[in-house]
Amino acid sequence: MRDDGIRLGQLLKLADFVDAGSDARPLLASGVVTVGGRVETRRGRQLKRGDVVAVGDVKVRLV
């Protein structure tokens, strides 16, 4: 990850949670995506090192 972070929608695509960036919006709207244990619905949410993103039972930690 670069020092300036990454947006949540980009991470969802890079981590293969969605096939295309446009698929992130419905996934986020469903309420299954969390950042740091809290439901997140903003595709543009800026993430930083140490954040833990979960989609259901699958978790990704940014390093």
N, C-alpha and C. Protein backbone atom coordinates (compact mmCIF):
# COMPACT_ATOMS: atom_id res chain seq x y z
N MET A 1 0.83 -1.18 0.00
CA MET A 1 0.00 0.00 0.00
C MET A 1 0.87 1.24 0.00
N ARG A 2 0.42 2.26 -0.70
CA ARG A 2 1.15 3.53 -0.71
C ARG A 2 0.91 4.27 0.60
N ASP A 3 1.74 5.24 0.87
CA ASP A 3 1.65 5.99 2.12
C ASP A 3 0.37 6.81 2.24
N ASP A 4 -0.22 7.22 1.11
CA ASP A 4 -1.39 8.08 1.18
C ASP A 4 -2.70 7.30 1.32
N GLY A 5 -2.66 5.98 1.41
CA GLY A 5 -3.85 5.18 1.65
C GLY A 5 -4.54 4.74 0.37
N ILE A 6 -5.73 4.19 0.55
CA ILE A 6 -6.52 3.66 -0.56
C ILE A 6 -7.99 3.84 -0.19
N ARG A 7 -8.82 4.00 -1.17
CA ARG A 7 -10.26 4.13 -0.92
C ARG A 7 -10.88 2.74 -0.81
N LEU A 8 -11.94 2.65 -0.02
CA LEU A 8 -12.58 1.37 0.25
C LEU A 8 -13.05 0.68 -1.03
N GLY A 9 -13.65 1.40 -1.95
CA GLY A 9 -14.11 0.80 -3.20
C GLY A 9 -12.97 0.18 -3.98
N GLN A 10 -11.81 0.84 -3.98
CA GLN A 10 -10.63 0.31 -4.67
C GLN A 10 -10.14 -0.97 -4.01
N LEU A 11 -10.12 -0.97 -2.67
CA LEU A 11 -9.67 -2.16 -1.95
C LEU A 11 -10.59 -3.34 -2.22
N LEU A 12 -11.89 -3.11 -2.23
CA LEU A 12 -12.83 -4.20 -2.48
C LEU A 12 -12.58 -4.85 -3.84
N LYS A 13 -12.21 -4.04 -4.82
CA LYS A 13 -11.91 -4.58 -6.14
C LYS A 13 -10.56 -5.30 -6.14
N LEU A 14 -9.54 -4.69 -5.58
CA LEU A 14 -8.20 -5.29 -5.55
C LEU A 14 -8.17 -6.60 -4.77
N ALA A 15 -8.99 -6.69 -3.73
CA ALA A 15 -9.02 -7.90 -2.90
C ALA A 15 -10.00 -8.94 -3.44
N ASP A 16 -10.56 -8.68 -4.63
CA ASP A 16 -11.49 -9.60 -5.29
C ASP A 16 -12.79 -9.84 -4.53
N PHE A 17 -13.22 -8.85 -3.75
CA PHE A 17 -14.54 -8.95 -3.13
C PHE A 17 -15.62 -8.61 -4.15
N VAL A 18 -15.26 -7.80 -5.16
CA VAL A 18 -16.17 -7.45 -6.25
C VAL A 18 -15.41 -7.58 -7.56
N ASP A 19 -16.15 -7.83 -8.65
CA ASP A 19 -15.52 -7.97 -9.96
C ASP A 19 -15.20 -6.63 -10.58
N ALA A 20 -16.06 -5.65 -10.37
CA ALA A 20 -15.88 -4.33 -10.95
C ALA A 20 -16.15 -3.27 -9.89
N GLY A 21 -15.58 -2.11 -10.06
CA GLY A 21 -15.77 -1.03 -9.10
C GLY A 21 -17.24 -0.69 -8.90
N SER A 22 -18.04 -0.81 -9.95
CA SER A 22 -19.46 -0.49 -9.84
C SER A 22 -20.22 -1.49 -8.96
N ASP A 23 -19.64 -2.66 -8.74
CA ASP A 23 -20.27 -3.67 -7.87
C ASP A 23 -20.09 -3.36 -6.39
N ALA A 24 -19.20 -2.43 -6.07
CA ALA A 24 -18.94 -2.10 -4.66
C ALA A 24 -20.13 -1.43 -4.00
N ARG A 25 -20.82 -0.57 -4.73
CA ARG A 25 -21.94 0.17 -4.14
C ARG A 25 -23.03 -0.75 -3.58
N PRO A 26 -23.53 -1.74 -4.35
CA PRO A 26 -24.56 -2.62 -3.79
C PRO A 26 -24.04 -3.46 -2.61
N LEU A 27 -22.77 -3.88 -2.69
CA LEU A 27 -22.19 -4.64 -1.58
C LEU A 27 -22.17 -3.81 -0.32
N LEU A 28 -21.73 -2.56 -0.43
CA LEU A 28 -21.69 -1.67 0.73
C LEU A 28 -23.09 -1.38 1.25
N ALA A 29 -24.04 -1.21 0.36
CA ALA A 29 -25.42 -0.92 0.76
C ALA A 29 -26.05 -2.09 1.52
N SER A 30 -25.56 -3.30 1.29
CA SER A 30 -26.12 -4.47 1.95
C SER A 30 -25.74 -4.55 3.43
N GLY A 31 -24.75 -3.76 3.85
CA GLY A 31 -24.37 -3.70 5.26
C GLY A 31 -23.44 -4.81 5.72
N VAL A 32 -22.81 -5.53 4.80
CA VAL A 32 -21.93 -6.62 5.20
C VAL A 32 -20.46 -6.22 5.27
N VAL A 33 -20.13 -4.98 4.89
CA VAL A 33 -18.75 -4.52 4.90
C VAL A 33 -18.51 -3.72 6.18
N THR A 34 -17.45 -4.09 6.90
CA THR A 34 -17.08 -3.34 8.09
C THR A 34 -15.65 -2.86 7.99
N VAL A 35 -15.38 -1.74 8.63
CA VAL A 35 -14.02 -1.21 8.76
C VAL A 35 -13.81 -0.99 10.25
N GLY A 36 -12.86 -1.70 10.80
CA GLY A 36 -12.61 -1.59 12.23
C GLY A 36 -13.78 -2.04 13.08
N GLY A 37 -14.57 -2.98 12.56
CA GLY A 37 -15.70 -3.51 13.31
C GLY A 37 -17.00 -2.73 13.17
N ARG A 38 -16.98 -1.65 12.41
CA ARG A 38 -18.18 -0.83 12.22
C ARG A 38 -18.64 -0.92 10.77
N VAL A 39 -19.93 -1.04 10.56
CA VAL A 39 -20.48 -1.11 9.21
C VAL A 39 -20.12 0.16 8.46
N GLU A 40 -19.65 -0.02 7.23
CA GLU A 40 -19.26 1.12 6.40
C GLU A 40 -20.02 1.05 5.08
N THR A 41 -20.61 2.17 4.68
CA THR A 41 -21.38 2.22 3.44
C THR A 41 -20.79 3.19 2.43
N ARG A 42 -19.72 3.89 2.80
CA ARG A 42 -19.12 4.89 1.90
C ARG A 42 -18.03 4.26 1.05
N ARG A 43 -18.24 4.22 -0.24
CA ARG A 43 -17.27 3.65 -1.17
C ARG A 43 -15.97 4.45 -1.16
N GLY A 44 -16.05 5.74 -0.92
CA GLY A 44 -14.88 6.60 -0.93
C GLY A 44 -14.16 6.71 0.39
N ARG A 45 -14.55 5.92 1.37
CA ARG A 45 -13.90 5.94 2.69
C ARG A 45 -12.40 5.73 2.51
N GLN A 46 -11.60 6.65 3.04
CA GLN A 46 -10.14 6.56 2.94
C GLN A 46 -9.63 5.60 4.00
N LEU A 47 -8.86 4.62 3.59
CA LEU A 47 -8.29 3.64 4.50
C LEU A 47 -6.81 3.91 4.69
N LYS A 48 -6.29 3.49 5.82
CA LYS A 48 -4.87 3.69 6.11
C LYS A 48 -4.29 2.40 6.67
N ARG A 49 -2.98 2.38 6.80
CA ARG A 49 -2.30 1.19 7.35
C ARG A 49 -2.91 0.82 8.70
N GLY A 50 -3.10 -0.48 8.89
CA GLY A 50 -3.64 -0.98 10.15
C GLY A 50 -5.14 -1.17 10.15
N ASP A 51 -5.86 -0.54 9.20
CA ASP A 51 -7.31 -0.73 9.13
C ASP A 51 -7.62 -2.18 8.78
N VAL A 52 -8.69 -2.70 9.37
CA VAL A 52 -9.14 -4.06 9.08
C VAL A 52 -10.50 -3.95 8.40
N VAL A 53 -10.57 -4.44 7.18
CA VAL A 53 -11.82 -4.44 6.41
C VAL A 53 -12.33 -5.86 6.37
N ALA A 54 -13.60 -6.05 6.69
CA ALA A 54 -14.21 -7.38 6.66
C ALA A 54 -15.43 -7.36 5.76
N VAL A 55 -15.56 -8.43 4.99
CA VAL A 55 -16.76 -8.68 4.20
C VAL A 55 -17.24 -10.04 4.66
N GLY A 56 -18.30 -10.02 5.46
CA GLY A 56 -18.73 -11.27 6.07
C GLY A 56 -17.66 -11.76 7.02
N ASP A 57 -17.23 -13.01 6.85
CA ASP A 57 -16.21 -13.61 7.73
C ASP A 57 -14.79 -13.42 7.21
N VAL A 58 -14.64 -12.83 6.03
CA VAL A 58 -13.30 -12.66 5.44
C VAL A 58 -12.75 -11.28 5.81
N LYS A 59 -11.56 -11.26 6.38
CA LYS A 59 -10.95 -10.01 6.83
C LYS A 59 -9.65 -9.72 6.08
N VAL A 60 -9.40 -8.42 5.86
CA VAL A 60 -8.18 -7.97 5.23
C VAL A 60 -7.60 -6.85 6.09
N ARG A 61 -6.32 -6.97 6.45
CA ARG A 61 -5.64 -5.90 7.20
C ARG A 61 -4.70 -5.19 6.26
N LEU A 62 -4.76 -3.87 6.25
CA LEU A 62 -3.87 -3.09 5.38
C LEU A 62 -2.52 -2.95 6.03
N VAL A 63 -1.49 -3.29 5.27
CA VAL A 63 -0.11 -3.18 5.78
C VAL A 63 0.71 -2.31 4.88
